[in-house]
Amino acid sequence: MEKKVIVKIKDLLKKHNISLRELSRLTDIRHAALSELSNQKRENINFGHIEKIADALQIDDIREIIDLIDR
């Protein structure tokens, strides 16, 4: 079965009680790029973005940010 990587932006926003715009400000990642990640519209993931999100939200476990699911 084929796998897909999911970036759990919506879960992070809810857990940390922040908006996408606030996450954009905290991470210095374009709002549009975060929106695309949030809506699973991106085919490629920038690891620099994942690192910035982890730093901004003080996340130590990458599994809080990304997941691997069956398509």
PDB file of N, CA and C in Angstrom:
ATOM      1  N   MET A   1       0.844  -1.190   0.000  1.00  0.00           N
ATOM      2  CA  MET A   1       0.000   0.000   0.000  1.00  0.00           C
ATOM      3  C   MET A   1       0.884   1.246   0.000  1.00  0.00           C
ATOM      4  N   GLU A   2       0.448   2.250  -0.713  1.00  0.00           N
ATOM      5  CA  GLU A   2       1.194   3.498  -0.836  1.00  0.00           C
ATOM      6  C   GLU A   2       1.021   4.354   0.416  1.00  0.00           C
ATOM      7  N   LYS A   3       2.088   5.044   0.806  1.00  0.00           N
ATOM      8  CA  LYS A   3       2.080   5.897   1.994  1.00  0.00           C
ATOM      9  C   LYS A   3       2.071   7.367   1.599  1.00  0.00           C
ATOM     10  N   LYS A   4       1.615   8.203   2.524  1.00  0.00           N
ATOM     11  CA  LYS A   4       1.614   9.643   2.313  1.00  0.00           C
ATOM     12  C   LYS A   4       2.025  10.327   3.606  1.00  0.00           C
ATOM     13  N   VAL A   5       2.872  11.351   3.488  1.00  0.00           N
ATOM     14  CA  VAL A   5       3.280  12.145   4.635  1.00  0.00           C
ATOM     15  C   VAL A   5       2.275  13.276   4.820  1.00  0.00           C
ATOM     16  N   ILE A   6       1.795  13.424   6.033  1.00  0.00           N
ATOM     17  CA  ILE A   6       0.834  14.471   6.384  1.00  0.00           C
ATOM     18  C   ILE A   6       1.513  15.440   7.354  1.00  0.00           C
ATOM     19  N   VAL A   7       1.404  16.729   7.072  1.00  0.00           N
ATOM     20  CA  VAL A   7       1.884  17.756   7.996  1.00  0.00           C
ATOM     21  C   VAL A   7       0.666  18.223   8.794  1.00  0.00           C
ATOM     22  N   LYS A   8       0.730  18.055  10.103  1.00  0.00           N
ATOM     23  CA  LYS A   8      -0.440  18.254  10.965  1.00  0.00           C
ATOM     24  C   LYS A   8      -0.564  19.700  11.464  1.00  0.00           C
ATOM     25  N   ILE A   9      -0.588  20.639  10.527  1.00  0.00           N
ATOM     26  CA  ILE A   9      -0.661  22.059  10.879  1.00  0.00           C
ATOM     27  C   ILE A   9      -1.953  22.365  11.641  1.00  0.00           C
ATOM     28  N   LYS A  10      -3.081  21.861  11.151  1.00  0.00           N
ATOM     29  CA  LYS A  10      -4.371  22.165  11.796  1.00  0.00           C
ATOM     30  C   LYS A  10      -4.388  21.684  13.238  1.00  0.00           C
ATOM     31  N   ASP A  11      -3.844  20.500  13.497  1.00  0.00           N
ATOM     32  CA  ASP A  11      -3.766  19.979  14.866  1.00  0.00           C
ATOM     33  C   ASP A  11      -2.887  20.871  15.742  1.00  0.00           C
ATOM     34  N   LEU A  12      -1.778  21.325  15.182  1.00  0.00           N
ATOM     35  CA  LEU A  12      -0.861  22.185  15.944  1.00  0.00           C
ATOM     36  C   LEU A  12      -1.507  23.522  16.281  1.00  0.00           C
ATOM     37  N   LEU A  13      -2.230  24.087  15.321  1.00  0.00           N
ATOM     38  CA  LEU A  13      -2.897  25.365  15.561  1.00  0.00           C
ATOM     39  C   LEU A  13      -3.903  25.235  16.702  1.00  0.00           C
ATOM     40  N   LYS A  14      -4.663  24.154  16.665  1.00  0.00           N
ATOM     41  CA  LYS A  14      -5.666  23.920  17.705  1.00  0.00           C
ATOM     42  C   LYS A  14      -4.993  23.689  19.062  1.00  0.00           C
ATOM     43  N   LYS A  15      -3.984  22.833  19.090  1.00  0.00           N
ATOM     44  CA  LYS A  15      -3.299  22.495  20.345  1.00  0.00           C
ATOM     45  C   LYS A  15      -2.659  23.722  20.989  1.00  0.00           C
ATOM     46  N   HIS A  16      -2.068  24.584  20.162  1.00  0.00           N
ATOM     47  CA  HIS A  16      -1.353  25.759  20.681  1.00  0.00           C
ATOM     48  C   HIS A  16      -2.220  27.022  20.676  1.00  0.00           C
ATOM     49  N   ASN A  17      -3.471  26.851  20.253  1.00  0.00           N
ATOM     50  CA  ASN A  17      -4.447  27.942  20.258  1.00  0.00           C
ATOM     51  C   ASN A  17      -3.918  29.198  19.544  1.00  0.00           C
ATOM     52  N   ILE A  18      -3.433  28.977  18.320  1.00  0.00           N
ATOM     53  CA  ILE A  18      -2.942  30.095  17.509  1.00  0.00           C
ATOM     54  C   ILE A  18      -3.530  29.997  16.110  1.00  0.00           C
ATOM     55  N   SER A  19      -3.447  31.078  15.384  1.00  0.00           N
ATOM     56  CA  SER A  19      -3.934  31.110  14.010  1.00  0.00           C
ATOM     57  C   SER A  19      -2.798  30.770  13.047  1.00  0.00           C
ATOM     58  N   LEU A  20      -3.165  30.497  11.826  1.00  0.00           N
ATOM     59  CA  LEU A  20      -2.175  30.247  10.784  1.00  0.00           C
ATOM     60  C   LEU A  20      -1.306  31.493  10.582  1.00  0.00           C
ATOM     61  N   ARG A  21      -1.931  32.654  10.649  1.00  0.00           N
ATOM     62  CA  ARG A  21      -1.185  33.899  10.487  1.00  0.00           C
ATOM     63  C   ARG A  21      -0.165  34.081  11.623  1.00  0.00           C
ATOM     64  N   GLU A  22      -0.560  33.715  12.838  1.00  0.00           N
ATOM     65  CA  GLU A  22       0.356  33.814  13.977  1.00  0.00           C
ATOM     66  C   GLU A  22       1.518  32.833  13.817  1.00  0.00           C
ATOM     67  N   LEU A  23       1.227  31.615  13.361  1.00  0.00           N
ATOM     68  CA  LEU A  23       2.295  30.642  13.120  1.00  0.00           C
ATOM     69  C   LEU A  23       3.245  31.168  12.045  1.00  0.00           C
ATOM     70  N   SER A  24       2.697  31.801  11.035  1.00  0.00           N
ATOM     71  CA  SER A  24       3.514  32.396   9.983  1.00  0.00           C
ATOM     72  C   SER A  24       4.456  33.451  10.573  1.00  0.00           C
ATOM     73  N   ARG A  25       3.918  34.276  11.438  1.00  0.00           N
ATOM     74  CA  ARG A  25       4.726  35.322  12.070  1.00  0.00           C
ATOM     75  C   ARG A  25       5.818  34.721  12.964  1.00  0.00           C
ATOM     76  N   LEU A  26       5.458  33.701  13.738  1.00  0.00           N
ATOM     77  CA  LEU A  26       6.415  33.071  14.661  1.00  0.00           C
ATOM     78  C   LEU A  26       7.546  32.350  13.932  1.00  0.00           C
ATOM     79  N   THR A  27       7.233  31.788  12.776  1.00  0.00           N
ATOM     80  CA  THR A  27       8.202  30.956  12.056  1.00  0.00           C
ATOM     81  C   THR A  27       8.899  31.669  10.911  1.00  0.00           C
ATOM     82  N   ASP A  28       8.363  32.815  10.506  1.00  0.00           N
ATOM     83  CA  ASP A  28       8.859  33.526   9.326  1.00  0.00           C
ATOM     84  C   ASP A  28       8.728  32.662   8.066  1.00  0.00           C
ATOM     85  N   ILE A  29       7.623  31.903   8.023  1.00  0.00           N
ATOM     86  CA  ILE A  29       7.271  31.107   6.841  1.00  0.00           C
ATOM     87  C   ILE A  29       6.057  31.787   6.214  1.00  0.00           C
ATOM     88  N   ARG A  30       6.070  31.922   4.902  1.00  0.00           N
ATOM     89  CA  ARG A  30       4.943  32.578   4.220  1.00  0.00           C
ATOM     90  C   ARG A  30       3.618  31.924   4.587  1.00  0.00           C
ATOM     91  N   HIS A  31       2.622  32.750   4.815  1.00  0.00           N
ATOM     92  CA  HIS A  31       1.282  32.267   5.153  1.00  0.00           C
ATOM     93  C   HIS A  31       0.784  31.299   4.085  1.00  0.00           C
ATOM     94  N   ALA A  32       1.012  31.620   2.823  1.00  0.00           N
ATOM     95  CA  ALA A  32       0.563  30.765   1.718  1.00  0.00           C
ATOM     96  C   ALA A  32       1.203  29.377   1.789  1.00  0.00           C
ATOM     97  N   ALA A  33       2.484  29.322   2.129  1.00  0.00           N
ATOM     98  CA  ALA A  33       3.173  28.031   2.232  1.00  0.00           C
ATOM     99  C   ALA A  33       2.585  27.204   3.373  1.00  0.00           C
ATOM    100  N   LEU A  34       2.320  27.840   4.508  1.00  0.00           N
ATOM    101  CA  LEU A  34       1.715  27.127   5.638  1.00  0.00           C
ATOM    102  C   LEU A  34       0.309  26.658   5.295  1.00  0.00           C
ATOM    103  N   SER A  35      -0.423  27.481   4.580  1.00  0.00           N
ATOM    104  CA  SER A  35      -1.775  27.122   4.165  1.00  0.00           C
ATOM    105  C   SER A  35      -1.744  25.892   3.256  1.00  0.00           C
ATOM    106  N   GLU A  36      -0.821  25.864   2.326  1.00  0.00           N
ATOM    107  CA  GLU A  36      -0.684  24.715   1.432  1.00  0.00           C
ATOM    108  C   GLU A  36      -0.328  23.458   2.217  1.00  0.00           C
ATOM    109  N   LEU A  37       0.572  23.573   3.189  1.00  0.00           N
ATOM    110  CA  LEU A  37       0.916  22.430   4.040  1.00  0.00           C
ATOM    111  C   LEU A  37      -0.300  21.969   4.826  1.00  0.00           C
ATOM    112  N   SER A  38      -1.025  22.922   5.373  1.00  0.00           N
ATOM    113  CA  SER A  38      -2.199  22.624   6.183  1.00  0.00           C
ATOM    114  C   SER A  38      -3.268  21.887   5.391  1.00  0.00           C
ATOM    115  N   ASN A  39      -3.418  22.248   4.123  1.00  0.00           N
ATOM    116  CA  ASN A  39      -4.446  21.653   3.268  1.00  0.00           C
ATOM    117  C   ASN A  39      -3.923  20.499   2.415  1.00  0.00           C
ATOM    118  N   GLN A  40      -2.726  20.026   2.729  1.00  0.00           N
ATOM    119  CA  GLN A  40      -2.109  18.891   2.023  1.00  0.00           C
ATOM    120  C   GLN A  40      -1.990  19.145   0.523  1.00  0.00           C
ATOM    121  N   LYS A  41      -1.699  20.390   0.156  1.00  0.00           N
ATOM    122  CA  LYS A  41      -1.570  20.776  -1.248  1.00  0.00           C
ATOM    123  C   LYS A  41      -0.123  20.727  -1.739  1.00  0.00           C
ATOM    124  N   ARG A  42       0.817  20.516  -0.840  1.00  0.00           N
ATOM    125  CA  ARG A  42       2.224  20.498  -1.227  1.00  0.00           C
ATOM    126  C   ARG A  42       2.706  19.073  -1.427  1.00  0.00           C
ATOM    127  N   GLU A  43       3.461  18.854  -2.473  1.00  0.00           N
ATOM    128  CA  GLU A  43       4.037  17.541  -2.741  1.00  0.00           C
ATOM    129  C   GLU A  43       5.403  17.385  -2.069  1.00  0.00           C
ATOM    130  N   ASN A  44       6.074  18.507  -1.841  1.00  0.00           N
ATOM    131  CA  ASN A  44       7.398  18.486  -1.220  1.00  0.00           C
ATOM    132  C   ASN A  44       7.348  19.202   0.122  1.00  0.00           C
ATOM    133  N   ILE A  45       8.140  18.688   1.051  1.00  0.00           N
ATOM    134  CA  ILE A  45       8.200  19.303   2.374  1.00  0.00           C
ATOM    135  C   ILE A  45       9.590  19.894   2.566  1.00  0.00           C
ATOM    136  N   ASN A  46       9.614  21.145   2.963  1.00  0.00           N
ATOM    137  CA  ASN A  46      10.868  21.830   3.256  1.00  0.00           C
ATOM    138  C   ASN A  46      11.222  21.527   4.713  1.00  0.00           C
ATOM    139  N   PHE A  47      12.312  20.789   4.939  1.00  0.00           N
ATOM    140  CA  PHE A  47      12.690  20.435   6.303  1.00  0.00           C
ATOM    141  C   PHE A  47      13.025  21.660   7.134  1.00  0.00           C
ATOM    142  N   GLY A  48      13.460  22.731   6.484  1.00  0.00           N
ATOM    143  CA  GLY A  48      13.701  23.983   7.191  1.00  0.00           C
ATOM    144  C   GLY A  48      12.408  24.509   7.810  1.00  0.00           C
ATOM    145  N   HIS A  49      11.290  24.336   7.095  1.00  0.00           N
ATOM    146  CA  HIS A  49       9.991  24.757   7.623  1.00  0.00           C
ATOM    147  C   HIS A  49       9.616  23.918   8.844  1.00  0.00           C
ATOM    148  N   ILE A  50       9.846  22.610   8.764  1.00  0.00           N
ATOM    149  CA  ILE A  50       9.528  21.728   9.890  1.00  0.00           C
ATOM    150  C   ILE A  50      10.357  22.136  11.112  1.00  0.00           C
ATOM    151  N   GLU A  51      11.633  22.439  10.888  1.00  0.00           N
ATOM    152  CA  GLU A  51      12.507  22.876  11.989  1.00  0.00           C
ATOM    153  C   GLU A  51      12.021  24.181  12.598  1.00  0.00           C
ATOM    154  N   LYS A  52      11.601  25.126  11.757  1.00  0.00           N
ATOM    155  CA  LYS A  52      11.111  26.419  12.264  1.00  0.00           C
ATOM    156  C   LYS A  52       9.829  26.246  13.070  1.00  0.00           C
ATOM    157  N   ILE A  53       8.945  25.378  12.600  1.00  0.00           N
ATOM    158  CA  ILE A  53       7.706  25.113  13.333  1.00  0.00           C
ATOM    159  C   ILE A  53       8.028  24.482  14.687  1.00  0.00           C
ATOM    160  N   ALA A  54       8.934  23.516  14.690  1.00  0.00           N
ATOM    161  CA  ALA A  54       9.330  22.866  15.943  1.00  0.00           C
ATOM    162  C   ALA A  54       9.932  23.875  16.914  1.00  0.00           C
ATOM    163  N   ASP A  55      10.798  24.745  16.420  1.00  0.00           N
ATOM    164  CA  ASP A  55      11.412  25.763  17.283  1.00  0.00           C
ATOM    165  C   ASP A  55      10.361  26.721  17.837  1.00  0.00           C
ATOM    166  N   ALA A  56       9.492  27.209  16.982  1.00  0.00           N
ATOM    167  CA  ALA A  56       8.499  28.205  17.395  1.00  0.00           C
ATOM    168  C   ALA A  56       7.519  27.652  18.421  1.00  0.00           C
ATOM    169  N   LEU A  57       7.166  26.379  18.280  1.00  0.00           N
ATOM    170  CA  LEU A  57       6.171  25.778  19.169  1.00  0.00           C
ATOM    171  C   LEU A  57       6.793  24.904  20.250  1.00  0.00           C
ATOM    172  N   GLN A  58       8.125  24.933  20.325  1.00  0.00           N
ATOM    173  CA  GLN A  58       8.884  24.168  21.326  1.00  0.00           C
ATOM    174  C   GLN A  58       8.513  22.685  21.293  1.00  0.00           C
ATOM    175  N   ILE A  59       8.592  22.118  20.101  1.00  0.00           N
ATOM    176  CA  ILE A  59       8.272  20.706  19.881  1.00  0.00           C
ATOM    177  C   ILE A  59       9.574  19.920  19.759  1.00  0.00           C
ATOM    178  N   ASP A  60       9.663  18.824  20.509  1.00  0.00           N
ATOM    179  CA  ASP A  60      10.858  17.976  20.488  1.00  0.00           C
ATOM    180  C   ASP A  60      10.661  16.688  19.691  1.00  0.00           C
ATOM    181  N   ASP A  61       9.417  16.313  19.447  1.00  0.00           N
ATOM    182  CA  ASP A  61       9.108  15.062  18.767  1.00  0.00           C
ATOM    183  C   ASP A  61       8.475  15.369  17.402  1.00  0.00           C
ATOM    184  N   ILE A  62       9.178  15.025  16.338  1.00  0.00           N
ATOM    185  CA  ILE A  62       8.713  15.343  14.979  1.00  0.00           C
ATOM    186  C   ILE A  62       7.345  14.728  14.686  1.00  0.00           C
ATOM    187  N   ARG A  63       6.981  13.670  15.405  1.00  0.00           N
ATOM    188  CA  ARG A  63       5.681  13.029  15.179  1.00  0.00           C
ATOM    189  C   ARG A  63       4.515  13.931  15.551  1.00  0.00           C
ATOM    190  N   GLU A  64       4.783  14.996  16.309  1.00  0.00           N
ATOM    191  CA  GLU A  64       3.730  15.968  16.596  1.00  0.00           C
ATOM    192  C   GLU A  64       3.428  16.825  15.353  1.00  0.00           C
ATOM    193  N   ILE A  65       4.394  16.889  14.448  1.00  0.00           N
ATOM    194  CA  ILE A  65       4.273  17.753  13.266  1.00  0.00           C
ATOM    195  C   ILE A  65       3.897  16.978  12.012  1.00  0.00           C
ATOM    196  N   ILE A  66       4.505  15.824  11.819  1.00  0.00           N
ATOM    197  CA  ILE A  66       4.215  15.033  10.613  1.00  0.00           C
ATOM    198  C   ILE A  66       3.771  13.626  10.978  1.00  0.00           C
ATOM    199  N   ASP A  67       3.058  13.020  10.057  1.00  0.00           N
ATOM    200  CA  ASP A  67       2.578  11.655  10.241  1.00  0.00           C
ATOM    201  C   ASP A  67       2.683  10.944   8.903  1.00  0.00           C
ATOM    202  N   LEU A  68       2.731   9.640   8.943  1.00  0.00           N
ATOM    203  CA  LEU A  68       2.787   8.810   7.740  1.00  0.00           C
ATOM    204  C   LEU A  68       1.533   7.935   7.727  1.00  0.00           C
ATOM    205  N   ILE A  69       0.728   8.090   6.679  1.00  0.00           N
ATOM    206  CA  ILE A  69      -0.531   7.339   6.623  1.00  0.00           C
ATOM    207  C   ILE A  69      -0.613   6.544   5.332  1.00  0.00           C
ATOM    208  N   ASP A  70      -1.522   5.591   5.320  1.00  0.00           N
ATOM    209  CA  ASP A  70      -1.840   4.867   4.085  1.00  0.00           C
ATOM    210  C   ASP A  70      -2.738   5.737   3.237  1.00  0.00           C
ATOM    211  N   ARG A  71      -2.503   5.733   1.942  1.00  0.00           N
ATOM    212  CA  ARG A  71      -3.369   6.515   1.026  1.00  0.00           C
ATOM    213  C   ARG A  71      -4.692   5.836   0.860  1.00  0.00           C
TER     214      ARG A  71
END
